[in-house]
All heavy atoms as atom14 arrays in JSON, in Angstrom:
{
  "sequence": "LFSGMTGTAAADAAGLGAIEYEAMQDAGYEKGYSAAVTGSSAIIGPII",
  "atom14_mask": [
    [1, 1, 1, 1, 1, 1, 1, 1, 0, 0, 0, 0, 0, 0],
    [1, 1, 1, 1, 1, 1, 1, 1, 1, 1, 1, 0, 0, 0],
    [1, 1, 1, 1, 1, 1, 0, 0, 0, 0, 0, 0, 0, 0],
    [1, 1, 1, 1, 0, 0, 0, 0, 0, 0, 0, 0, 0, 0],
    [1, 1, 1, 1, 1, 1, 1, 1, 0, 0, 0, 0, 0, 0],
    [1, 1, 1, 1, 1, 1, 1, 0, 0, 0, 0, 0, 0, 0],
    [1, 1, 1, 1, 0, 0, 0, 0, 0, 0, 0, 0, 0, 0],
    [1, 1, 1, 1, 1, 1, 1, 0, 0, 0, 0, 0, 0, 0],
    [1, 1, 1, 1, 1, 0, 0, 0, 0, 0, 0, 0, 0, 0],
    [1, 1, 1, 1, 1, 0, 0, 0, 0, 0, 0, 0, 0, 0],
    [1, 1, 1, 1, 1, 0, 0, 0, 0, 0, 0, 0, 0, 0],
    [1, 1, 1, 1, 1, 1, 1, 1, 0, 0, 0, 0, 0, 0],
    [1, 1, 1, 1, 1, 0, 0, 0, 0, 0, 0, 0, 0, 0],
    [1, 1, 1, 1, 1, 0, 0, 0, 0, 0, 0, 0, 0, 0],
    [1, 1, 1, 1, 0, 0, 0, 0, 0, 0, 0, 0, 0, 0],
    [1, 1, 1, 1, 1, 1, 1, 1, 0, 0, 0, 0, 0, 0],
    [1, 1, 1, 1, 0, 0, 0, 0, 0, 0, 0, 0, 0, 0],
    [1, 1, 1, 1, 1, 0, 0, 0, 0, 0, 0, 0, 0, 0],
    [1, 1, 1, 1, 1, 1, 1, 1, 0, 0, 0, 0, 0, 0],
    [1, 1, 1, 1, 1, 1, 1, 1, 1, 0, 0, 0, 0, 0],
    [1, 1, 1, 1, 1, 1, 1, 1, 1, 1, 1, 1, 0, 0],
    [1, 1, 1, 1, 1, 1, 1, 1, 1, 0, 0, 0, 0, 0],
    [1, 1, 1, 1, 1, 0, 0, 0, 0, 0, 0, 0, 0, 0],
    [1, 1, 1, 1, 1, 1, 1, 1, 0, 0, 0, 0, 0, 0],
    [1, 1, 1, 1, 1, 1, 1, 1, 1, 0, 0, 0, 0, 0],
    [1, 1, 1, 1, 1, 1, 1, 1, 0, 0, 0, 0, 0, 0],
    [1, 1, 1, 1, 1, 0, 0, 0, 0, 0, 0, 0, 0, 0],
    [1, 1, 1, 1, 0, 0, 0, 0, 0, 0, 0, 0, 0, 0],
    [1, 1, 1, 1, 1, 1, 1, 1, 1, 1, 1, 1, 0, 0],
    [1, 1, 1, 1, 1, 1, 1, 1, 1, 0, 0, 0, 0, 0],
    [1, 1, 1, 1, 1, 1, 1, 1, 1, 0, 0, 0, 0, 0],
    [1, 1, 1, 1, 0, 0, 0, 0, 0, 0, 0, 0, 0, 0],
    [1, 1, 1, 1, 1, 1, 1, 1, 1, 1, 1, 1, 0, 0],
    [1, 1, 1, 1, 1, 1, 0, 0, 0, 0, 0, 0, 0, 0],
    [1, 1, 1, 1, 1, 0, 0, 0, 0, 0, 0, 0, 0, 0],
    [1, 1, 1, 1, 1, 0, 0, 0, 0, 0, 0, 0, 0, 0],
    [1, 1, 1, 1, 1, 1, 1, 0, 0, 0, 0, 0, 0, 0],
    [1, 1, 1, 1, 1, 1, 1, 0, 0, 0, 0, 0, 0, 0],
    [1, 1, 1, 1, 0, 0, 0, 0, 0, 0, 0, 0, 0, 0],
    [1, 1, 1, 1, 1, 1, 0, 0, 0, 0, 0, 0, 0, 0],
    [1, 1, 1, 1, 1, 1, 0, 0, 0, 0, 0, 0, 0, 0],
    [1, 1, 1, 1, 1, 0, 0, 0, 0, 0, 0, 0, 0, 0],
    [1, 1, 1, 1, 1, 1, 1, 1, 0, 0, 0, 0, 0, 0],
    [1, 1, 1, 1, 1, 1, 1, 1, 0, 0, 0, 0, 0, 0],
    [1, 1, 1, 1, 0, 0, 0, 0, 0, 0, 0, 0, 0, 0],
    [1, 1, 1, 1, 1, 1, 1, 0, 0, 0, 0, 0, 0, 0],
    [1, 1, 1, 1, 1, 1, 1, 1, 0, 0, 0, 0, 0, 0],
    [1, 1, 1, 1, 1, 1, 1, 1, 0, 0, 0, 0, 0, 0]
  ],
  "atom14_positions": [
    [[-17.83, -58.32, 29.03], [-17.83, -58.44, 27.57], [-18.33, -57.15, 26.92], [-17.75, -56.66, 25.94], [-18.72, -59.61, 27.13], [-18.26, -61.01, 27.56], [-19.33, -62.04, 27.22], [-16.94, -61.37, 26.88], [0.0, 0.0, 0.0], [0.0, 0.0, 0.0], [0.0, 0.0, 0.0], [0.0, 0.0, 0.0], [0.0, 0.0, 0.0], [0.0, 0.0, 0.0]],
    [[-19.39, -56.58, 27.49], [-20.0, -55.39, 26.91], [-19.11, -54.17, 27.09], [-19.14, -53.24, 26.28], [-21.36, -55.15, 27.55], [-22.26, -54.24, 26.76], [-22.69, -54.6, 25.49], [-22.68, -53.04, 27.27], [-23.52, -53.78, 24.75], [-23.52, -52.2, 26.55], [-23.94, -52.58, 25.28], [0.0, 0.0, 0.0], [0.0, 0.0, 0.0], [0.0, 0.0, 0.0]],
    [[-18.28, -54.16, 28.16], [-17.43, -53.0, 28.44], [-16.39, -52.79, 27.36], [-15.89, -51.68, 27.18], [-16.73, -53.18, 29.79], [-15.81, -54.25, 29.75], [0.0, 0.0, 0.0], [0.0, 0.0, 0.0], [0.0, 0.0, 0.0], [0.0, 0.0, 0.0], [0.0, 0.0, 0.0], [0.0, 0.0, 0.0], [0.0, 0.0, 0.0], [0.0, 0.0, 0.0]],
    [[-16.05, -53.87, 26.64], [-15.08, -53.73, 25.57], [-15.66, -53.13, 24.3], [-15.01, -53.11, 23.27], [0.0, 0.0, 0.0], [0.0, 0.0, 0.0], [0.0, 0.0, 0.0], [0.0, 0.0, 0.0], [0.0, 0.0, 0.0], [0.0, 0.0, 0.0], [0.0, 0.0, 0.0], [0.0, 0.0, 0.0], [0.0, 0.0, 0.0], [0.0, 0.0, 0.0]],
    [[-16.89, -52.62, 24.39], [-17.54, -52.09, 23.19], [-18.12, -50.7, 23.39], [-18.22, -49.92, 22.44], [-18.67, -53.04, 22.76], [-18.23, -54.48, 22.61], [-19.61, -55.59, 22.33], [-18.84, -57.18, 22.66], [0.0, 0.0, 0.0], [0.0, 0.0, 0.0], [0.0, 0.0, 0.0], [0.0, 0.0, 0.0], [0.0, 0.0, 0.0], [0.0, 0.0, 0.0]],
    [[-18.52, -50.34, 24.61], [-19.25, -49.09, 24.81], [-18.39, -47.97, 25.38], [-18.45, -46.85, 24.93], [-20.44, -49.3, 25.77], [-19.94, -49.75, 27.04], [-21.39, -50.34, 25.23], [0.0, 0.0, 0.0], [0.0, 0.0, 0.0], [0.0, 0.0, 0.0], [0.0, 0.0, 0.0], [0.0, 0.0, 0.0], [0.0, 0.0, 0.0], [0.0, 0.0, 0.0]],
    [[-17.59, -48.27, 26.4], [-16.7, -47.26, 26.97], [-17.33, -46.38, 28.02], [-16.69, -45.49, 28.55], [0.0, 0.0, 0.0], [0.0, 0.0, 0.0], [0.0, 0.0, 0.0], [0.0, 0.0, 0.0], [0.0, 0.0, 0.0], [0.0, 0.0, 0.0], [0.0, 0.0, 0.0], [0.0, 0.0, 0.0], [0.0, 0.0, 0.0], [0.0, 0.0, 0.0]],
    [[-18.61, -46.58, 28.35], [-19.24, -45.76, 29.38], [-20.05, -46.64, 30.33], [-20.68, -47.62, 29.91], [-20.19, -44.71, 28.77], [-21.23, -45.37, 28.05], [-19.44, -43.78, 27.83], [0.0, 0.0, 0.0], [0.0, 0.0, 0.0], [0.0, 0.0, 0.0], [0.0, 0.0, 0.0], [0.0, 0.0, 0.0], [0.0, 0.0, 0.0], [0.0, 0.0, 0.0]],
    [[-20.02, -46.27, 31.61], [-20.77, -47.02, 32.62], [-22.27, -46.83, 32.42], [-23.06, -47.76, 32.62], [-20.35, -46.58, 34.01], [0.0, 0.0, 0.0], [0.0, 0.0, 0.0], [0.0, 0.0, 0.0], [0.0, 0.0, 0.0], [0.0, 0.0, 0.0], [0.0, 0.0, 0.0], [0.0, 0.0, 0.0], [0.0, 0.0, 0.0], [0.0, 0.0, 0.0]],
    [[-22.68, -45.62, 32.06], [-24.1, -45.35, 31.88], [-24.69, -46.19, 30.76], [-25.82, -46.68, 30.86], [-24.32, -43.86, 31.6], [0.0, 0.0, 0.0], [0.0, 0.0, 0.0], [0.0, 0.0, 0.0], [0.0, 0.0, 0.0], [0.0, 0.0, 0.0], [0.0, 0.0, 0.0], [0.0, 0.0, 0.0], [0.0, 0.0, 0.0], [0.0, 0.0, 0.0]],
    [[-23.92, -46.39, 29.67], [-24.4, -47.21, 28.56], [-24.6, -48.65, 28.99], [-25.57, -49.31, 28.59], [-23.41, -47.14, 27.39], [0.0, 0.0, 0.0], [0.0, 0.0, 0.0], [0.0, 0.0, 0.0], [0.0, 0.0, 0.0], [0.0, 0.0, 0.0], [0.0, 0.0, 0.0], [0.0, 0.0, 0.0], [0.0, 0.0, 0.0], [0.0, 0.0, 0.0]],
    [[-23.69, -49.15, 29.81], [-23.82, -50.52, 30.32], [-25.06, -50.64, 31.19], [-25.88, -51.54, 31.03], [-22.56, -50.88, 31.12], [-22.53, -52.36, 31.5], [-23.6, -52.93, 31.79], [-21.44, -52.94, 31.52], [0.0, 0.0, 0.0], [0.0, 0.0, 0.0], [0.0, 0.0, 0.0], [0.0, 0.0, 0.0], [0.0, 0.0, 0.0], [0.0, 0.0, 0.0]],
    [[-25.21, -49.7, 32.15], [-26.34, -49.77, 33.07], [-27.67, -49.61, 32.34], [-28.65, -50.3, 32.66], [-26.2, -48.69, 34.14], [0.0, 0.0, 0.0], [0.0, 0.0, 0.0], [0.0, 0.0, 0.0], [0.0, 0.0, 0.0], [0.0, 0.0, 0.0], [0.0, 0.0, 0.0], [0.0, 0.0, 0.0], [0.0, 0.0, 0.0], [0.0, 0.0, 0.0]],
    [[-27.72, -48.72, 31.37], [-28.97, -48.48, 30.65], [-29.23, -49.55, 29.6], [-30.38, -49.93, 29.37], [-28.92, -47.1, 29.99], [0.0, 0.0, 0.0], [0.0, 0.0, 0.0], [0.0, 0.0, 0.0], [0.0, 0.0, 0.0], [0.0, 0.0, 0.0], [0.0, 0.0, 0.0], [0.0, 0.0, 0.0], [0.0, 0.0, 0.0], [0.0, 0.0, 0.0]],
    [[-28.16, -50.06, 28.96], [-28.34, -51.03, 27.89], [-28.55, -52.44, 28.41], [-29.56, -53.09, 28.1], [0.0, 0.0, 0.0], [0.0, 0.0, 0.0], [0.0, 0.0, 0.0], [0.0, 0.0, 0.0], [0.0, 0.0, 0.0], [0.0, 0.0, 0.0], [0.0, 0.0, 0.0], [0.0, 0.0, 0.0], [0.0, 0.0, 0.0], [0.0, 0.0, 0.0]],
    [[-27.6, -52.9, 29.21], [-27.69, -54.25, 29.76], [-28.49, -54.29, 31.06], [-28.99, -55.35, 31.45], [-26.29, -54.8, 30.04], [-25.58, -55.56, 28.91], [-24.18, -55.93, 29.35], [-26.35, -56.81, 28.53], [0.0, 0.0, 0.0], [0.0, 0.0, 0.0], [0.0, 0.0, 0.0], [0.0, 0.0, 0.0], [0.0, 0.0, 0.0], [0.0, 0.0, 0.0]],
    [[-28.57, -53.17, 31.74], [-29.12, -53.15, 33.1], [-30.48, -53.79, 33.24], [-30.7, -54.65, 34.1], [0.0, 0.0, 0.0], [0.0, 0.0, 0.0], [0.0, 0.0, 0.0], [0.0, 0.0, 0.0], [0.0, 0.0, 0.0], [0.0, 0.0, 0.0], [0.0, 0.0, 0.0], [0.0, 0.0, 0.0], [0.0, 0.0, 0.0], [0.0, 0.0, 0.0]],
    [[-31.42, -53.38, 32.37], [-32.78, -53.92, 32.46], [-32.79, -55.42, 32.19], [-33.52, -56.18, 32.85], [-33.68, -53.18, 31.48], [0.0, 0.0, 0.0], [0.0, 0.0, 0.0], [0.0, 0.0, 0.0], [0.0, 0.0, 0.0], [0.0, 0.0, 0.0], [0.0, 0.0, 0.0], [0.0, 0.0, 0.0], [0.0, 0.0, 0.0], [0.0, 0.0, 0.0]],
    [[-31.99, -55.86, 31.22], [-31.94, -57.29, 30.88], [-31.37, -58.09, 32.05], [-31.91, -59.14, 32.44], [-31.07, -57.49, 29.62], [-31.69, -56.74, 28.44], [-30.91, -58.97, 29.3], [-30.79, -56.67, 27.23], [0.0, 0.0, 0.0], [0.0, 0.0, 0.0], [0.0, 0.0, 0.0], [0.0, 0.0, 0.0], [0.0, 0.0, 0.0], [0.0, 0.0, 0.0]],
    [[-30.26, -57.6, 32.61], [-29.62, -58.3, 33.73], [-30.53, -58.37, 34.94], [-30.66, -59.42, 35.59], [-28.31, -57.59, 34.08], [-27.26, -57.67, 32.98], [-26.08, -56.77, 33.22], [-26.24, -55.75, 33.93], [-24.99, -57.05, 32.7], [0.0, 0.0, 0.0], [0.0, 0.0, 0.0], [0.0, 0.0, 0.0], [0.0, 0.0, 0.0], [0.0, 0.0, 0.0]],
    [[-31.18, -57.25, 35.25], [-32.05, -57.2, 36.41], [-33.24, -58.16, 36.24], [-33.59, -58.92, 37.15], [-32.55, -55.78, 36.64], [-33.56, -55.67, 37.76], [-33.14, -55.66, 39.1], [-34.93, -55.59, 37.5], [-34.06, -55.57, 40.13], [-35.84, -55.5, 38.52], [-35.41, -55.5, 39.83], [-36.33, -55.43, 40.86], [0.0, 0.0, 0.0], [0.0, 0.0, 0.0]],
    [[-33.85, -58.13, 35.07], [-35.01, -58.99, 34.82], [-34.63, -60.47, 34.93], [-35.38, -61.28, 35.49], [-35.59, -58.69, 33.44], [-36.86, -59.47, 33.13], [-37.44, -59.12, 31.77], [-36.97, -58.14, 31.16], [-38.35, -59.83, 31.32], [0.0, 0.0, 0.0], [0.0, 0.0, 0.0], [0.0, 0.0, 0.0], [0.0, 0.0, 0.0], [0.0, 0.0, 0.0]],
    [[-33.46, -60.82, 34.4], [-33.0, -62.22, 34.47], [-32.79, -62.65, 35.92], [-33.13, -63.78, 36.29], [-31.72, -62.38, 33.67], [0.0, 0.0, 0.0], [0.0, 0.0, 0.0], [0.0, 0.0, 0.0], [0.0, 0.0, 0.0], [0.0, 0.0, 0.0], [0.0, 0.0, 0.0], [0.0, 0.0, 0.0], [0.0, 0.0, 0.0], [0.0, 0.0, 0.0]],
    [[-32.23, -61.77, 36.73], [-32.01, -62.11, 38.14], [-33.34, -62.23, 38.88], [-33.49, -63.07, 39.78], [-31.1, -61.08, 38.8], [-29.66, -61.11, 38.3], [-28.53, -60.03, 39.22], [-28.43, -60.9, 40.8], [0.0, 0.0, 0.0], [0.0, 0.0, 0.0], [0.0, 0.0, 0.0], [0.0, 0.0, 0.0], [0.0, 0.0, 0.0], [0.0, 0.0, 0.0]],
    [[-34.32, -61.41, 38.51], [-35.63, -61.51, 39.14], [-36.33, -62.82, 38.76], [-36.96, -63.46, 39.6], [-36.5, -60.32, 38.73], [-36.08, -59.01, 39.37], [-36.06, -59.09, 40.87], [-37.1, -59.12, 41.52], [-34.86, -59.17, 41.46], [0.0, 0.0, 0.0], [0.0, 0.0, 0.0], [0.0, 0.0, 0.0], [0.0, 0.0, 0.0], [0.0, 0.0, 0.0]],
    [[-36.2, -63.19, 37.49], [-36.8, -64.46, 37.05], [-36.19, -65.65, 37.77], [-36.85, -66.68, 37.96], [-36.6, -64.62, 35.54], [-37.42, -63.62, 34.73], [-38.38, -63.05, 35.3], [-37.09, -63.4, 33.54], [0.0, 0.0, 0.0], [0.0, 0.0, 0.0], [0.0, 0.0, 0.0], [0.0, 0.0, 0.0], [0.0, 0.0, 0.0], [0.0, 0.0, 0.0]],
    [[-34.92, -65.5, 38.19], [-34.25, -66.59, 38.9], [-34.48, -66.54, 40.41], [-33.95, -67.37, 41.15], [-32.74, -66.54, 38.62], [0.0, 0.0, 0.0], [0.0, 0.0, 0.0], [0.0, 0.0, 0.0], [0.0, 0.0, 0.0], [0.0, 0.0, 0.0], [0.0, 0.0, 0.0], [0.0, 0.0, 0.0], [0.0, 0.0, 0.0], [0.0, 0.0, 0.0]],
    [[-35.27, -65.56, 40.88], [-35.65, -65.51, 42.29], [-34.72, -64.74, 43.21], [-34.77, -64.89, 44.43], [0.0, 0.0, 0.0], [0.0, 0.0, 0.0], [0.0, 0.0, 0.0], [0.0, 0.0, 0.0], [0.0, 0.0, 0.0], [0.0, 0.0, 0.0], [0.0, 0.0, 0.0], [0.0, 0.0, 0.0], [0.0, 0.0, 0.0], [0.0, 0.0, 0.0]],
    [[-33.87, -63.88, 42.66], [-32.96, -63.09, 43.49], [-33.68, -61.91, 44.11], [-34.65, -61.39, 43.55], [-31.78, -62.59, 42.66], [-30.81, -63.68, 42.25], [-31.09, -64.51, 41.16], [-29.63, -63.88, 42.95], [-30.21, -65.5, 40.78], [-28.75, -64.87, 42.57], [-29.04, -65.68, 41.49], [-28.17, -66.67, 41.12], [0.0, 0.0, 0.0], [0.0, 0.0, 0.0]],
    [[-33.18, -61.48, 45.26], [-33.75, -60.32, 45.95], [-33.55, -59.06, 45.11], [-32.51, -58.89, 44.47], [-33.07, -60.18, 47.32], [-33.75, -59.22, 48.27], [-33.18, -57.83, 48.15], [-31.96, -57.72, 47.86], [-33.94, -56.86, 48.33], [0.0, 0.0, 0.0], [0.0, 0.0, 0.0], [0.0, 0.0, 0.0], [0.0, 0.0, 0.0], [0.0, 0.0, 0.0]],
    [[-34.54, -58.18, 45.12], [-34.52, -57.02, 44.21], [-33.34, -56.1, 44.45], [-32.66, -55.67, 43.51], [-35.83, -56.23, 44.35], [-37.05, -56.94, 43.78], [-38.28, -56.03, 43.84], [-39.48, -56.72, 43.18], [-40.67, -55.84, 43.17], [0.0, 0.0, 0.0], [0.0, 0.0, 0.0], [0.0, 0.0, 0.0], [0.0, 0.0, 0.0], [0.0, 0.0, 0.0]],
    [[-33.08, -55.76, 45.71], [-31.99, -54.84, 46.0], [-30.64, -55.42, 45.58], [-29.79, -54.72, 45.02], [0.0, 0.0, 0.0], [0.0, 0.0, 0.0], [0.0, 0.0, 0.0], [0.0, 0.0, 0.0], [0.0, 0.0, 0.0], [0.0, 0.0, 0.0], [0.0, 0.0, 0.0], [0.0, 0.0, 0.0], [0.0, 0.0, 0.0], [0.0, 0.0, 0.0]],
    [[-30.44, -56.71, 45.87], [-29.19, -57.37, 45.49], [-29.03, -57.39, 43.98], [-27.94, -57.15, 43.45], [-29.19, -58.79, 46.04], [-28.03, -59.65, 45.6], [-26.73, -59.37, 46.0], [-28.25, -60.75, 44.77], [-25.67, -60.16, 45.58], [-27.19, -61.56, 44.36], [-25.9, -61.26, 44.77], [-24.86, -62.03, 44.36], [0.0, 0.0, 0.0], [0.0, 0.0, 0.0]],
    [[-30.11, -57.65, 43.26], [-30.06, -57.67, 41.8], [-29.63, -56.31, 41.25], [-28.79, -56.22, 40.34], [-31.43, -58.05, 41.22], [-31.84, -59.31, 41.71], [0.0, 0.0, 0.0], [0.0, 0.0, 0.0], [0.0, 0.0, 0.0], [0.0, 0.0, 0.0], [0.0, 0.0, 0.0], [0.0, 0.0, 0.0], [0.0, 0.0, 0.0], [0.0, 0.0, 0.0]],
    [[-30.21, -55.26, 41.8], [-29.85, -53.91, 41.34], [-28.41, -53.57, 41.69], [-27.7, -52.93, 40.9], [-30.81, -52.88, 41.95], [0.0, 0.0, 0.0], [0.0, 0.0, 0.0], [0.0, 0.0, 0.0], [0.0, 0.0, 0.0], [0.0, 0.0, 0.0], [0.0, 0.0, 0.0], [0.0, 0.0, 0.0], [0.0, 0.0, 0.0], [0.0, 0.0, 0.0]],
    [[-27.96, -53.99, 42.88], [-26.6, -53.69, 43.31], [-25.56, -54.38, 42.44], [-24.54, -53.8, 42.07], [-26.41, -54.09, 44.77], [0.0, 0.0, 0.0], [0.0, 0.0, 0.0], [0.0, 0.0, 0.0], [0.0, 0.0, 0.0], [0.0, 0.0, 0.0], [0.0, 0.0, 0.0], [0.0, 0.0, 0.0], [0.0, 0.0, 0.0], [0.0, 0.0, 0.0]],
    [[-25.81, -55.64, 42.09], [-24.88, -56.37, 41.2], [-24.84, -55.68, 39.84], [-23.76, -55.48, 39.25], [-25.32, -57.83, 41.04], [-24.46, -58.53, 39.99], [-25.22, -58.57, 42.36], [0.0, 0.0, 0.0], [0.0, 0.0, 0.0], [0.0, 0.0, 0.0], [0.0, 0.0, 0.0], [0.0, 0.0, 0.0], [0.0, 0.0, 0.0], [0.0, 0.0, 0.0]],
    [[-26.0, -55.28, 39.33], [-26.06, -54.62, 38.02], [-25.29, -53.31, 38.03], [-24.52, -53.02, 37.1], [-27.53, -54.36, 37.65], [-28.25, -55.59, 37.63], [-27.63, -53.69, 36.29], [0.0, 0.0, 0.0], [0.0, 0.0, 0.0], [0.0, 0.0, 0.0], [0.0, 0.0, 0.0], [0.0, 0.0, 0.0], [0.0, 0.0, 0.0], [0.0, 0.0, 0.0]],
    [[-25.44, -52.53, 39.08], [-24.73, -51.25, 39.16], [-23.23, -51.42, 39.33], [-22.44, -50.72, 38.68], [0.0, 0.0, 0.0], [0.0, 0.0, 0.0], [0.0, 0.0, 0.0], [0.0, 0.0, 0.0], [0.0, 0.0, 0.0], [0.0, 0.0, 0.0], [0.0, 0.0, 0.0], [0.0, 0.0, 0.0], [0.0, 0.0, 0.0], [0.0, 0.0, 0.0]],
    [[-22.84, -52.36, 40.17], [-21.41, -52.57, 40.42], [-20.68, -53.06, 39.17], [-19.56, -52.64, 38.89], [-21.22, -53.59, 41.55], [-21.8, -53.14, 42.75], [0.0, 0.0, 0.0], [0.0, 0.0, 0.0], [0.0, 0.0, 0.0], [0.0, 0.0, 0.0], [0.0, 0.0, 0.0], [0.0, 0.0, 0.0], [0.0, 0.0, 0.0], [0.0, 0.0, 0.0]],
    [[-21.33, -53.95, 38.42], [-20.69, -54.47, 37.21], [-20.59, -53.4, 36.12], [-19.68, -53.44, 35.29], [-21.44, -55.69, 36.69], [-22.75, -55.34, 36.27], [0.0, 0.0, 0.0], [0.0, 0.0, 0.0], [0.0, 0.0, 0.0], [0.0, 0.0, 0.0], [0.0, 0.0, 0.0], [0.0, 0.0, 0.0], [0.0, 0.0, 0.0], [0.0, 0.0, 0.0]],
    [[-21.49, -52.42, 36.15], [-21.5, -51.4, 35.09], [-20.26, -50.51, 35.12], [-19.82, -50.03, 34.07], [-22.76, -50.53, 35.21], [0.0, 0.0, 0.0], [0.0, 0.0, 0.0], [0.0, 0.0, 0.0], [0.0, 0.0, 0.0], [0.0, 0.0, 0.0], [0.0, 0.0, 0.0], [0.0, 0.0, 0.0], [0.0, 0.0, 0.0], [0.0, 0.0, 0.0]],
    [[-19.67, -50.29, 36.3], [-18.54, -49.36, 36.36], [-17.23, -49.99, 35.87], [-16.21, -49.3, 35.8], [-18.34, -48.8, 37.78], [-17.89, -49.9, 38.76], [-19.6, -48.12, 38.28], [-17.45, -49.36, 40.11], [0.0, 0.0, 0.0], [0.0, 0.0, 0.0], [0.0, 0.0, 0.0], [0.0, 0.0, 0.0], [0.0, 0.0, 0.0], [0.0, 0.0, 0.0]],
    [[-17.28, -51.27, 35.5], [-16.09, -51.88, 34.9], [-15.85, -51.29, 33.51], [-14.71, -51.18, 33.06], [-16.25, -53.41, 34.81], [-16.46, -54.02, 36.2], [-15.04, -54.05, 34.14], [-16.76, -55.51, 36.18], [0.0, 0.0, 0.0], [0.0, 0.0, 0.0], [0.0, 0.0, 0.0], [0.0, 0.0, 0.0], [0.0, 0.0, 0.0], [0.0, 0.0, 0.0]],
    [[-16.93, -50.88, 32.83], [-16.84, -50.4, 31.45], [-15.79, -49.35, 31.19], [-14.99, -49.49, 30.26], [0.0, 0.0, 0.0], [0.0, 0.0, 0.0], [0.0, 0.0, 0.0], [0.0, 0.0, 0.0], [0.0, 0.0, 0.0], [0.0, 0.0, 0.0], [0.0, 0.0, 0.0], [0.0, 0.0, 0.0], [0.0, 0.0, 0.0], [0.0, 0.0, 0.0]],
    [[-15.74, -48.27, 31.96], [-14.74, -47.23, 31.69], [-13.32, -47.57, 32.13], [-12.42, -46.75, 31.96], [-15.27, -46.04, 32.5], [-16.71, -46.31, 32.7], [-16.79, -47.8, 32.87], [0.0, 0.0, 0.0], [0.0, 0.0, 0.0], [0.0, 0.0, 0.0], [0.0, 0.0, 0.0], [0.0, 0.0, 0.0], [0.0, 0.0, 0.0], [0.0, 0.0, 0.0]],
    [[-13.1, -48.75, 32.71], [-11.75, -49.15, 33.1], [-11.14, -50.0, 31.99], [-9.99, -49.82, 31.59], [-11.76, -49.95, 34.42], [-12.49, -49.16, 35.52], [-10.34, -50.27, 34.87], [-11.88, -47.82, 35.83], [0.0, 0.0, 0.0], [0.0, 0.0, 0.0], [0.0, 0.0, 0.0], [0.0, 0.0, 0.0], [0.0, 0.0, 0.0], [0.0, 0.0, 0.0]],
    [[-11.9, -50.97, 31.47], [-11.44, -51.8, 30.36], [-11.7, -51.06, 29.04], [-12.75, -50.47, 28.85], [-12.18, -53.16, 30.37], [-11.82, -53.95, 31.64], [-11.82, -53.98, 29.14], [-12.5, -55.28, 31.75], [0.0, 0.0, 0.0], [0.0, 0.0, 0.0], [0.0, 0.0, 0.0], [0.0, 0.0, 0.0], [0.0, 0.0, 0.0], [0.0, 0.0, 0.0]]
  ]
}
């Protein structure tokens, strides 16, 4: 959803990244996995 507004992967990772990571930590996800999902989803931005 956010990729249709920013156009850059860095903006997604920096803008949504902290929120997404914190939410996954609150839900009990492993730290490395949480960061990896956040990073992988961020690169969708410059494609859409």
